[in-house]
C-alpha cells in the first residue's frame, strides 16, 4: 500500500507486516497475539507516542481504505473508545497485552 514501508504517513509510524518493521517490534508476533486472520496483508501502527485522540482518528481513517488488510495497532492502553466505532463500521477487532504494549488488531470480515 505504501512505497516505503518505514516512512511515516498520515497514520503515524506504519509498515507492512513482515520480519522487520518498526525497530524492536515483530509485527507477525504481535498479530499472532490476537485472533486476527494470519492469511491477509497487514499494516502496523505504533500509536504508543501519539496523544489522544490521534490513535482513534488514524485507525478510523485506515478503515476507509482497509482493502482486506489487518491493522495491528500498538498502544499504551486498550482503545476503549475505538471499539464501538469499529463495530458500527462492520470491523472485527481483538486486543491483547504484550511486552511491547497493548496490541489491537482490526480487520473486516
PDB file of N, CA and C in Angstrom:
ATOM      1  N   UNK A   1       0.816  -1.187   0.000  1.00  0.00           N
ATOM      2  CA  UNK A   1       0.000   0.000   0.000  1.00  0.00           C
ATOM      3  C   UNK A   1       0.866   1.259   0.000  1.00  0.00           C
ATOM      4  N   UNK A   2       2.022   1.236   0.666  1.00  0.00           N
ATOM      5  CA  UNK A   2       2.903   2.385   0.742  1.00  0.00           C
ATOM      6  C   UNK A   2       4.216   2.058   0.047  1.00  0.00           C
ATOM      7  N   UNK A   3       4.794   3.064  -0.608  1.00  0.00           N
ATOM      8  CA  UNK A   3       6.035   2.842  -1.343  1.00  0.00           C
ATOM      9  C   UNK A   3       7.178   2.441  -0.420  1.00  0.00           C
ATOM     10  N   UNK A   4       7.352   3.156   0.672  1.00  0.00           N
ATOM     11  CA  UNK A   4       8.412   2.848   1.625  1.00  0.00           C
ATOM     12  C   UNK A   4       7.753   2.464   2.940  1.00  0.00           C
ATOM     13  N   UNK A   5       7.746   1.171   3.314  1.00  0.00           N
ATOM     14  CA  UNK A   5       7.001   0.729   4.486  1.00  0.00           C
ATOM     15  C   UNK A   5       7.484   1.308   5.802  1.00  0.00           C
ATOM     16  N   UNK A   6       8.644   1.934   5.849  1.00  0.00           N
ATOM     17  CA  UNK A   6       9.106   2.503   7.109  1.00  0.00           C
ATOM     18  C   UNK A   6       8.913   4.011   7.188  1.00  0.00           C
ATOM     19  N   UNK A   7       8.417   4.618   6.123  1.00  0.00           N
ATOM     20  CA  UNK A   7       8.256   6.072   6.166  1.00  0.00           C
ATOM     21  C   UNK A   7       6.958   6.439   6.869  1.00  0.00           C
ATOM     22  N   UNK A   8       6.969   7.494   7.689  1.00  0.00           N
ATOM     23  CA  UNK A   8       5.758   7.935   8.354  1.00  0.00           C
ATOM     24  C   UNK A   8       4.760   8.462   7.330  1.00  0.00           C
ATOM     25  N   UNK A   9       3.487   8.354   7.644  1.00  0.00           N
ATOM     26  CA  UNK A   9       2.438   8.878   6.786  1.00  0.00           C
ATOM     27  C   UNK A   9       1.319   9.381   7.681  1.00  0.00           C
ATOM     28  N   UNK A  10       0.135   9.576   7.124  1.00  0.00           N
ATOM     29  CA  UNK A  10      -0.956  10.119   7.928  1.00  0.00           C
ATOM     30  C   UNK A  10      -1.327   9.220   9.102  1.00  0.00           C
ATOM     31  N   UNK A  11      -0.951   7.971   9.042  1.00  0.00           N
ATOM     32  CA  UNK A  11      -1.287   7.056  10.118  1.00  0.00           C
ATOM     33  C   UNK A  11      -0.228   7.016  11.208  1.00  0.00           C
ATOM     34  N   UNK A  12       0.863   7.704  11.062  1.00  0.00           N
ATOM     35  CA  UNK A  12       1.946   7.628  12.039  1.00  0.00           C
ATOM     36  C   UNK A  12       2.990   6.664  11.533  1.00  0.00           C
ATOM     37  N   UNK A  13       3.684   6.001  12.427  1.00  0.00           N
ATOM     38  CA  UNK A  13       4.697   5.031  12.036  1.00  0.00           C
ATOM     39  C   UNK A  13       4.002   3.737  11.668  1.00  0.00           C
ATOM     40  N   UNK A  14       3.833   3.509  10.374  1.00  0.00           N
ATOM     41  CA  UNK A  14       3.169   2.298   9.903  1.00  0.00           C
ATOM     42  C   UNK A  14       4.098   1.556   8.980  1.00  0.00           C
ATOM     43  N   UNK A  15       3.923   0.269   8.943  1.00  0.00           N
ATOM     44  CA  UNK A  15       4.691  -0.520   7.999  1.00  0.00           C
ATOM     45  C   UNK A  15       3.923  -1.773   7.673  1.00  0.00           C
ATOM     46  N   UNK A  16       4.363  -2.445   6.636  1.00  0.00           N
ATOM     47  CA  UNK A  16       3.767  -3.717   6.264  1.00  0.00           C
ATOM     48  C   UNK A  16       4.225  -4.770   7.261  1.00  0.00           C
ATOM     49  N   UNK A  17       3.369  -5.706   7.566  1.00  0.00           N
ATOM     50  CA  UNK A  17       3.772  -6.786   8.456  1.00  0.00           C
ATOM     51  C   UNK A  17       4.764  -7.672   7.723  1.00  0.00           C
ATOM     52  N   UNK A  18       5.780  -8.050   8.402  1.00  0.00           N
ATOM     53  CA  UNK A  18       6.836  -8.872   7.838  1.00  0.00           C
ATOM     54  C   UNK A  18       7.888  -9.085   8.895  1.00  0.00           C
ATOM     55  N   UNK A  19       9.031  -9.607   8.528  1.00  0.00           N
ATOM     56  CA  UNK A  19      10.031  -9.942   9.525  1.00  0.00           C
ATOM     57  C   UNK A  19      10.643  -8.756  10.257  1.00  0.00           C
ATOM     58  N   UNK A  20      10.756  -7.597   9.620  1.00  0.00           N
ATOM     59  CA  UNK A  20      11.366  -6.453  10.303  1.00  0.00           C
ATOM     60  C   UNK A  20      10.600  -5.195   9.940  1.00  0.00           C
ATOM     61  N   UNK A  21       9.934  -4.608  10.908  1.00  0.00           N
ATOM     62  CA  UNK A  21       9.166  -3.405  10.649  1.00  0.00           C
ATOM     63  C   UNK A  21       9.719  -2.257  11.462  1.00  0.00           C
ATOM     64  N   UNK A  22       9.039  -1.916  12.508  1.00  0.00           N
ATOM     65  CA  UNK A  22       9.475  -0.829  13.363  1.00  0.00           C
ATOM     66  C   UNK A  22      10.544  -1.360  14.301  1.00  0.00           C
ATOM     67  N   UNK A  23      11.532  -0.550  14.609  1.00  0.00           N
ATOM     68  CA  UNK A  23      12.620  -1.016  15.467  1.00  0.00           C
ATOM     69  C   UNK A  23      12.103  -1.656  16.753  1.00  0.00           C
ATOM     70  N   UNK A  24      12.569  -2.871  17.006  1.00  0.00           N
ATOM     71  CA  UNK A  24      12.214  -3.561  18.238  1.00  0.00           C
ATOM     72  C   UNK A  24      10.870  -4.257  18.231  1.00  0.00           C
ATOM     73  N   UNK A  25      10.124  -4.203  17.121  1.00  0.00           N
ATOM     74  CA  UNK A  25       8.813  -4.842  17.082  1.00  0.00           C
ATOM     75  C   UNK A  25       8.732  -5.850  15.955  1.00  0.00           C
ATOM     76  N   UNK A  26       8.184  -6.996  16.240  1.00  0.00           N
ATOM     77  CA  UNK A  26       7.952  -8.050  15.271  1.00  0.00           C
ATOM     78  C   UNK A  26       6.447  -8.109  15.033  1.00  0.00           C
ATOM     79  N   UNK A  27       6.005  -7.579  13.902  1.00  0.00           N
ATOM     80  CA  UNK A  27       4.574  -7.461  13.619  1.00  0.00           C
ATOM     81  C   UNK A  27       3.875  -8.813  13.585  1.00  0.00           C
ATOM     82  N   UNK A  28       4.534  -9.835  13.041  1.00  0.00           N
ATOM     83  CA  UNK A  28       3.889 -11.150  12.990  1.00  0.00           C
ATOM     84  C   UNK A  28       3.659 -11.701  14.399  1.00  0.00           C
ATOM     85  N   UNK A  29       4.597 -11.480  15.301  1.00  0.00           N
ATOM     86  CA  UNK A  29       4.415 -11.912  16.687  1.00  0.00           C
ATOM     87  C   UNK A  29       3.279 -11.127  17.332  1.00  0.00           C
ATOM     88  N   UNK A  30       3.217  -9.829  17.045  1.00  0.00           N
ATOM     89  CA  UNK A  30       2.140  -9.007  17.601  1.00  0.00           C
ATOM     90  C   UNK A  30       0.785  -9.447  17.067  1.00  0.00           C
ATOM     91  N   UNK A  31       0.711  -9.681  15.751  1.00  0.00           N
ATOM     92  CA  UNK A  31      -0.556 -10.131  15.169  1.00  0.00           C
ATOM     93  C   UNK A  31      -0.944 -11.482  15.752  1.00  0.00           C
ATOM     94  N   UNK A  32       0.024 -12.367  15.946  1.00  0.00           N
ATOM     95  CA  UNK A  32      -0.259 -13.706  16.474  1.00  0.00           C
ATOM     96  C   UNK A  32      -0.789 -13.665  17.908  1.00  0.00           C
ATOM     97  N   UNK A  33      -0.562 -12.576  18.627  1.00  0.00           N
ATOM     98  CA  UNK A  33      -1.082 -12.440  19.989  1.00  0.00           C
ATOM     99  C   UNK A  33      -2.580 -12.201  19.983  1.00  0.00           C
ATOM    100  N   UNK A  34      -3.157 -11.920  18.812  1.00  0.00           N
ATOM    101  CA  UNK A  34      -4.584 -11.644  18.685  1.00  0.00           C
ATOM    102  C   UNK A  34      -5.251 -12.726  17.837  1.00  0.00           C
ATOM    103  N   UNK A  35      -6.542 -12.594  17.675  1.00  0.00           N
ATOM    104  CA  UNK A  35      -7.309 -13.528  16.857  1.00  0.00           C
ATOM    105  C   UNK A  35      -7.410 -13.075  15.402  1.00  0.00           C
ATOM    106  N   UNK A  36      -6.580 -12.118  14.993  1.00  0.00           N
ATOM    107  CA  UNK A  36      -6.635 -11.599  13.626  1.00  0.00           C
ATOM    108  C   UNK A  36      -6.260 -12.668  12.612  1.00  0.00           C
ATOM    109  N   UNK A  37      -6.879 -12.631  11.436  1.00  0.00           N
ATOM    110  CA  UNK A  37      -6.518 -13.594  10.394  1.00  0.00           C
ATOM    111  C   UNK A  37      -5.048 -13.441  10.005  1.00  0.00           C
ATOM    112  N   UNK A  38      -4.364 -14.559   9.870  1.00  0.00           N
ATOM    113  CA  UNK A  38      -2.935 -14.542   9.526  1.00  0.00           C
ATOM    114  C   UNK A  38      -2.703 -14.618   8.029  1.00  0.00           C
ATOM    115  N   UNK A  39      -3.760 -14.825   7.250  1.00  0.00           N
ATOM    116  CA  UNK A  39      -3.610 -15.019   5.810  1.00  0.00           C
ATOM    117  C   UNK A  39      -3.844 -13.741   5.007  1.00  0.00           C
ATOM    118  N   UNK A  40      -3.840 -12.601   5.669  1.00  0.00           N
ATOM    119  CA  UNK A  40      -4.077 -11.327   4.986  1.00  0.00           C
ATOM    120  C   UNK A  40      -2.871 -10.413   5.154  1.00  0.00           C
ATOM    121  N   UNK A  41      -2.700  -9.477   4.227  1.00  0.00           N
ATOM    122  CA  UNK A  41      -1.651  -8.481   4.445  1.00  0.00           C
ATOM    123  C   UNK A  41      -2.001  -7.654   5.677  1.00  0.00           C
ATOM    124  N   UNK A  42      -0.994  -7.109   6.312  1.00  0.00           N
ATOM    125  CA  UNK A  42      -1.297  -6.270   7.469  1.00  0.00           C
ATOM    126  C   UNK A  42      -0.393  -5.064   7.506  1.00  0.00           C
ATOM    127  N   UNK A  43      -0.839  -4.093   8.270  1.00  0.00           N
ATOM    128  CA  UNK A  43      -0.110  -2.853   8.465  1.00  0.00           C
ATOM    129  C   UNK A  43       0.033  -2.632   9.955  1.00  0.00           C
ATOM    130  N   UNK A  44       1.137  -2.039  10.332  1.00  0.00           N
ATOM    131  CA  UNK A  44       1.454  -1.828  11.740  1.00  0.00           C
ATOM    132  C   UNK A  44       1.384  -0.343  12.054  1.00  0.00           C
ATOM    133  N   UNK A  45       0.648   0.019  13.091  1.00  0.00           N
ATOM    134  CA  UNK A  45       0.558   1.397  13.565  1.00  0.00           C
ATOM    135  C   UNK A  45       1.093   1.451  14.987  1.00  0.00           C
ATOM    136  N   UNK A  46       2.215   2.143  15.169  1.00  0.00           N
ATOM    137  CA  UNK A  46       2.769   2.332  16.505  1.00  0.00           C
ATOM    138  C   UNK A  46       2.163   3.618  17.060  1.00  0.00           C
ATOM    139  N   UNK A  47       1.176   3.477  17.930  1.00  0.00           N
ATOM    140  CA  UNK A  47       0.449   4.627  18.477  1.00  0.00           C
ATOM    141  C   UNK A  47       0.867   4.943  19.907  1.00  0.00           C
ATOM    142  N   UNK A  48       1.933   4.302  20.386  1.00  0.00           N
ATOM    143  CA  UNK A  48       2.340   4.476  21.783  1.00  0.00           C
ATOM    144  C   UNK A  48       2.706   5.913  22.124  1.00  0.00           C
ATOM    145  N   UNK A  49       3.232   6.662  21.187  1.00  0.00           N
ATOM    146  CA  UNK A  49       3.660   8.040  21.445  1.00  0.00           C
ATOM    147  C   UNK A  49       2.626   9.077  21.006  1.00  0.00           C
ATOM    148  N   UNK A  50       1.521   8.619  20.407  1.00  0.00           N
ATOM    149  CA  UNK A  50       0.516   9.550  19.909  1.00  0.00           C
ATOM    150  C   UNK A  50      -0.447   9.953  21.022  1.00  0.00           C
ATOM    151  N   UNK A  51      -0.734  11.247  21.164  1.00  0.00           N
ATOM    152  CA  UNK A  51      -1.686  11.676  22.183  1.00  0.00           C
ATOM    153  C   UNK A  51      -3.120  11.405  21.721  1.00  0.00           C
ATOM    154  N   UNK A  52      -4.031  11.177  22.671  1.00  0.00           N
ATOM    155  CA  UNK A  52      -5.436  11.033  22.294  1.00  0.00           C
ATOM    156  C   UNK A  52      -5.920  12.331  21.645  1.00  0.00           C
ATOM    157  N   UNK A  53      -6.742  12.287  20.658  1.00  0.00           N
ATOM    158  CA  UNK A  53      -7.425  11.132  20.065  1.00  0.00           C
ATOM    159  C   UNK A  53      -6.758  10.617  18.786  1.00  0.00           C
ATOM    160  N   UNK A  54      -5.479  10.908  18.566  1.00  0.00           N
ATOM    161  CA  UNK A  54      -4.835  10.521  17.311  1.00  0.00           C
ATOM    162  C   UNK A  54      -4.888   9.021  16.996  1.00  0.00           C
ATOM    163  N   UNK A  55      -4.633   8.115  17.956  1.00  0.00           N
ATOM    164  CA  UNK A  55      -4.740   6.692  17.601  1.00  0.00           C
ATOM    165  C   UNK A  55      -6.134   6.331  17.087  1.00  0.00           C
ATOM    166  N   UNK A  56      -7.156   6.869  17.721  1.00  0.00           N
ATOM    167  CA  UNK A  56      -8.537   6.633  17.293  1.00  0.00           C
ATOM    168  C   UNK A  56      -8.751   7.185  15.892  1.00  0.00           C
ATOM    169  N   UNK A  57      -8.364   8.416  15.662  1.00  0.00           N
ATOM    170  CA  UNK A  57      -8.573   9.051  14.362  1.00  0.00           C
ATOM    171  C   UNK A  57      -7.823   8.324  13.255  1.00  0.00           C
ATOM    172  N   UNK A  58      -6.586   7.971  13.500  1.00  0.00           N
ATOM    173  CA  UNK A  58      -5.783   7.322  12.460  1.00  0.00           C
ATOM    174  C   UNK A  58      -6.305   5.923  12.138  1.00  0.00           C
ATOM    175  N   UNK A  59      -6.770   5.232  13.156  1.00  0.00           N
ATOM    176  CA  UNK A  59      -7.341   3.907  12.914  1.00  0.00           C
ATOM    177  C   UNK A  59      -8.628   4.018  12.120  1.00  0.00           C
ATOM    178  N   UNK A  60      -9.481   4.977  12.455  1.00  0.00           N
ATOM    179  CA  UNK A  60     -10.726   5.162  11.710  1.00  0.00           C
ATOM    180  C   UNK A  60     -10.443   5.608  10.273  1.00  0.00           C
ATOM    181  N   UNK A  61      -9.425   6.429  10.056  1.00  0.00           N
ATOM    182  CA  UNK A  61      -9.033   6.797   8.692  1.00  0.00           C
ATOM    183  C   UNK A  61      -8.605   5.555   7.920  1.00  0.00           C
ATOM    184  N   UNK A  62      -7.874   4.668   8.586  1.00  0.00           N
ATOM    185  CA  UNK A  62      -7.413   3.436   7.944  1.00  0.00           C
ATOM    186  C   UNK A  62      -8.603   2.593   7.491  1.00  0.00           C
ATOM    187  N   UNK A  63      -9.686   2.551   8.275  1.00  0.00           N
ATOM    188  CA  UNK A  63     -10.837   1.706   7.934  1.00  0.00           C
ATOM    189  C   UNK A  63     -11.495   2.135   6.625  1.00  0.00           C
ATOM    190  N   UNK A  64     -11.336   3.388   6.234  1.00  0.00           N
ATOM    191  CA  UNK A  64     -11.944   3.865   4.994  1.00  0.00           C
ATOM    192  C   UNK A  64     -11.343   3.191   3.761  1.00  0.00           C
ATOM    193  N   UNK A  65     -10.125   2.665   3.880  1.00  0.00           N
ATOM    194  CA  UNK A  65      -9.455   2.042   2.736  1.00  0.00           C
ATOM    195  C   UNK A  65      -8.679   0.803   3.178  1.00  0.00           C
ATOM    196  N   UNK A  66      -9.307  -0.055   3.964  1.00  0.00           N
ATOM    197  CA  UNK A  66      -8.627  -1.228   4.521  1.00  0.00           C
ATOM    198  C   UNK A  66      -8.250  -2.256   3.459  1.00  0.00           C
ATOM    199  N   UNK A  67      -9.032  -2.380   2.404  1.00  0.00           N
ATOM    200  CA  UNK A  67      -8.743  -3.297   1.296  1.00  0.00           C
ATOM    201  C   UNK A  67      -8.435  -4.718   1.734  1.00  0.00           C
ATOM    202  N   UNK A  68      -9.143  -5.219   2.738  1.00  0.00           N
ATOM    203  CA  UNK A  68      -8.954  -6.598   3.175  1.00  0.00           C
ATOM    204  C   UNK A  68      -7.750  -6.830   4.060  1.00  0.00           C
ATOM    205  N   UNK A  69      -7.022  -5.783   4.407  1.00  0.00           N
ATOM    206  CA  UNK A  69      -5.828  -5.923   5.246  1.00  0.00           C
ATOM    207  C   UNK A  69      -6.211  -5.950   6.726  1.00  0.00           C
ATOM    208  N   UNK A  70      -5.228  -6.248   7.550  1.00  0.00           N
ATOM    209  CA  UNK A  70      -5.356  -6.221   9.005  1.00  0.00           C
ATOM    210  C   UNK A  70      -4.497  -5.074   9.506  1.00  0.00           C
ATOM    211  N   UNK A  71      -5.049  -4.268  10.406  1.00  0.00           N
ATOM    212  CA  UNK A  71      -4.261  -3.227  11.058  1.00  0.00           C
ATOM    213  C   UNK A  71      -3.851  -3.746  12.427  1.00  0.00           C
ATOM    214  N   UNK A  72      -2.564  -3.689  12.719  1.00  0.00           N
ATOM    215  CA  UNK A  72      -2.050  -4.075  14.029  1.00  0.00           C
ATOM    216  C   UNK A  72      -1.604  -2.783  14.710  1.00  0.00           C
ATOM    217  N   UNK A  73      -2.385  -2.350  15.682  1.00  0.00           N
ATOM    218  CA  UNK A  73      -2.102  -1.109  16.402  1.00  0.00           C
ATOM    219  C   UNK A  73      -1.453  -1.442  17.740  1.00  0.00           C
ATOM    220  N   UNK A  74      -0.335  -0.797  18.037  1.00  0.00           N
ATOM    221  CA  UNK A  74       0.326  -0.958  19.327  1.00  0.00           C
ATOM    222  C   UNK A  74       0.144   0.347  20.083  1.00  0.00           C
ATOM    223  N   UNK A  75      -0.390   0.246  21.299  1.00  0.00           N
ATOM    224  CA  UNK A  75      -0.682   1.430  22.091  1.00  0.00           C
ATOM    225  C   UNK A  75      -0.260   1.170  23.532  1.00  0.00           C
ATOM    226  N   UNK A  76      -0.355   2.186  24.362  1.00  0.00           N
ATOM    227  CA  UNK A  76      -0.019   2.012  25.771  1.00  0.00           C
ATOM    228  C   UNK A  76      -1.248   1.681  26.610  1.00  0.00           C
ATOM    229  N   UNK A  77      -2.416   1.617  25.964  1.00  0.00           N
ATOM    230  CA  UNK A  77      -3.662   1.269  26.660  1.00  0.00           C
ATOM    231  C   UNK A  77      -4.659   0.706  25.650  1.00  0.00           C
ATOM    232  N   UNK A  78      -5.668   0.027  26.160  1.00  0.00           N
ATOM    233  CA  UNK A  78      -6.724  -0.506  25.291  1.00  0.00           C
ATOM    234  C   UNK A  78      -7.543   0.656  24.735  1.00  0.00           C
ATOM    235  N   UNK A  79      -7.826   0.642  23.443  1.00  0.00           N
ATOM    236  CA  UNK A  79      -8.563   1.739  22.824  1.00  0.00           C
ATOM    237  C   UNK A  79     -10.078   1.610  23.019  1.00  0.00           C
ATOM    238  N   UNK A  80     -10.540   1.779  24.222  1.00  0.00           N
ATOM    239  CA  UNK A  80     -11.948   1.567  24.581  1.00  0.00           C
ATOM    240  C   UNK A  80     -12.922   2.381  23.718  1.00  0.00           C
ATOM    241  N   UNK A  81     -12.552   3.612  23.383  1.00  0.00           N
ATOM    242  CA  UNK A  81     -13.452   4.459  22.590  1.00  0.00           C
ATOM    243  C   UNK A  81     -13.492   4.041  21.122  1.00  0.00           C
ATOM    244  N   UNK A  82     -12.511   3.265  20.697  1.00  0.00           N
ATOM    245  CA  UNK A  82     -12.449   2.794  19.321  1.00  0.00           C
ATOM    246  C   UNK A  82     -13.414   1.636  19.064  1.00  0.00           C
ATOM    247  N   UNK A  83     -13.579   0.762  20.023  1.00  0.00           N
ATOM    248  CA  UNK A  83     -14.351  -0.465  19.814  1.00  0.00           C
ATOM    249  C   UNK A  83     -15.757  -0.237  19.260  1.00  0.00           C
ATOM    250  N   UNK A  84     -16.583   0.647  19.855  1.00  0.00           N
ATOM    251  CA  UNK A  84     -17.937   0.810  19.297  1.00  0.00           C
ATOM    252  C   UNK A  84     -17.922   1.387  17.881  1.00  0.00           C
ATOM    253  N   UNK A  85     -16.946   2.208  17.576  1.00  0.00           N
ATOM    254  CA  UNK A  85     -16.866   2.787  16.230  1.00  0.00           C
ATOM    255  C   UNK A  85     -16.470   1.740  15.198  1.00  0.00           C
ATOM    256  N   UNK A  86     -15.607   0.818  15.590  1.00  0.00           N
ATOM    257  CA  UNK A  86     -15.250  -0.278  14.679  1.00  0.00           C
ATOM    258  C   UNK A  86     -16.467  -1.157  14.418  1.00  0.00           C
ATOM    259  N   UNK A  87     -17.205  -1.462  15.474  1.00  0.00           N
ATOM    260  CA  UNK A  87     -18.411  -2.278  15.328  1.00  0.00           C
ATOM    261  C   UNK A  87     -19.410  -1.602  14.391  1.00  0.00           C
ATOM    262  N   UNK A  88     -19.605  -0.292  14.545  1.00  0.00           N
ATOM    263  CA  UNK A  88     -20.514   0.456  13.669  1.00  0.00           C
ATOM    264  C   UNK A  88     -20.101   0.361  12.207  1.00  0.00           C
ATOM    265  N   UNK A  89     -18.815   0.276  11.945  1.00  0.00           N
ATOM    266  CA  UNK A  89     -18.302   0.224  10.574  1.00  0.00           C
ATOM    267  C   UNK A  89     -18.174  -1.203  10.037  1.00  0.00           C
ATOM    268  N   UNK A  90     -18.545  -2.192  10.842  1.00  0.00           N
ATOM    269  CA  UNK A  90     -18.504  -3.575  10.383  1.00  0.00           C
ATOM    270  C   UNK A  90     -17.147  -4.241  10.492  1.00  0.00           C
ATOM    271  N   UNK A  91     -16.275  -3.734  11.361  1.00  0.00           N
ATOM    272  CA  UNK A  91     -14.952  -4.309  11.540  1.00  0.00           C
ATOM    273  C   UNK A  91     -14.903  -5.183  12.779  1.00  0.00           C
ATOM    274  N   UNK A  92     -14.072  -6.203  12.708  1.00  0.00           N
ATOM    275  CA  UNK A  92     -13.781  -7.071  13.848  1.00  0.00           C
ATOM    276  C   UNK A  92     -12.509  -6.556  14.501  1.00  0.00           C
ATOM    277  N   UNK A  93     -12.313  -6.897  15.757  1.00  0.00           N
ATOM    278  CA  UNK A  93     -11.090  -6.481  16.448  1.00  0.00           C
ATOM    279  C   UNK A  93     -10.816  -7.444  17.592  1.00  0.00           C
ATOM    280  N   UNK A  94      -9.568  -7.470  17.998  1.00  0.00           N
ATOM    281  CA  UNK A  94      -9.158  -8.250  19.158  1.00  0.00           C
ATOM    282  C   UNK A  94      -7.966  -7.536  19.784  1.00  0.00           C
ATOM    283  N   UNK A  95      -7.957  -7.478  21.105  1.00  0.00           N
ATOM    284  CA  UNK A  95      -6.900  -6.782  21.842  1.00  0.00           C
ATOM    285  C   UNK A  95      -6.188  -7.750  22.769  1.00  0.00           C
ATOM    286  N   UNK A  96      -4.874  -7.629  22.842  1.00  0.00           N
ATOM    287  CA  UNK A  96      -4.058  -8.465  23.728  1.00  0.00           C
ATOM    288  C   UNK A  96      -2.938  -7.610  24.314  1.00  0.00           C
ATOM    289  N   UNK A  97      -2.565  -7.906  25.547  1.00  0.00           N
ATOM    290  CA  UNK A  97      -1.420  -7.221  26.159  1.00  0.00           C
ATOM    291  C   UNK A  97      -0.160  -8.015  25.854  1.00  0.00           C
ATOM    292  N   UNK A  98       0.892  -7.302  25.415  1.00  0.00           N
ATOM    293  CA  UNK A  98       2.177  -7.923  25.111  1.00  0.00           C
ATOM    294  C   UNK A  98       3.270  -7.119  25.801  1.00  0.00           C
ATOM    295  N   UNK A  99       4.496  -7.597  25.684  1.00  0.00           N
ATOM    296  CA  UNK A  99       5.634  -6.858  26.239  1.00  0.00           C
ATOM    297  C   UNK A  99       5.835  -5.515  25.542  1.00  0.00           C
ATOM    298  N   UNK A 100       5.375  -5.404  24.285  1.00  0.00           N
ATOM    299  CA  UNK A 100       5.537  -4.161  23.519  1.00  0.00           C
ATOM    300  C   UNK A 100       4.452  -3.138  23.824  1.00  0.00           C
ATOM    301  N   UNK A 101       3.354  -3.564  24.422  1.00  0.00           N
ATOM    302  CA  UNK A 101       2.229  -2.689  24.710  1.00  0.00           C
ATOM    303  C   UNK A 101       0.930  -3.422  24.479  1.00  0.00           C
ATOM    304  N   UNK A 102      -0.142  -2.672  24.397  1.00  0.00           N
ATOM    305  CA  UNK A 102      -1.456  -3.238  24.145  1.00  0.00           C
ATOM    306  C   UNK A 102      -1.637  -3.294  22.624  1.00  0.00           C
ATOM    307  N   UNK A 103      -1.848  -4.497  22.118  1.00  0.00           N
ATOM    308  CA  UNK A 103      -1.963  -4.722  20.678  1.00  0.00           C
ATOM    309  C   UNK A 103      -3.438  -4.931  20.337  1.00  0.00           C
ATOM    310  N   UNK A 104      -3.928  -4.130  19.391  1.00  0.00           N
ATOM    311  CA  UNK A 104      -5.284  -4.299  18.890  1.00  0.00           C
ATOM    312  C   UNK A 104      -5.198  -4.540  17.405  1.00  0.00           C
ATOM    313  N   UNK A 105      -5.714  -5.671  16.978  1.00  0.00           N
ATOM    314  CA  UNK A 105      -5.777  -5.997  15.561  1.00  0.00           C
ATOM    315  C   UNK A 105      -7.178  -5.665  15.079  1.00  0.00           C
ATOM    316  N   UNK A 106      -7.266  -5.078  13.894  1.00  0.00           N
ATOM    317  CA  UNK A 106      -8.547  -4.660  13.301  1.00  0.00           C
ATOM    318  C   UNK A 106      -8.628  -5.233  11.894  1.00  0.00           C
ATOM    319  N   UNK A 107      -9.761  -5.827  11.570  1.00  0.00           N
ATOM    320  CA  UNK A 107      -9.941  -6.376  10.228  1.00  0.00           C
ATOM    321  C   UNK A 107     -11.409  -6.399   9.881  1.00  0.00           C
ATOM    322  N   UNK A 108     -11.683  -6.495   8.588  1.00  0.00           N
ATOM    323  CA  UNK A 108     -13.047  -6.549   8.083  1.00  0.00           C
ATOM    324  C   UNK A 108     -13.371  -7.991   7.737  1.00  0.00           C
ATOM    325  N   UNK A 109     -14.519  -8.456   8.190  1.00  0.00           N
ATOM    326  CA  UNK A 109     -14.929  -9.832   7.858  1.00  0.00           C
ATOM    327  C   UNK A 109     -15.419  -9.928   6.449  1.00  0.00           C
TER     328      UNK A 109
END
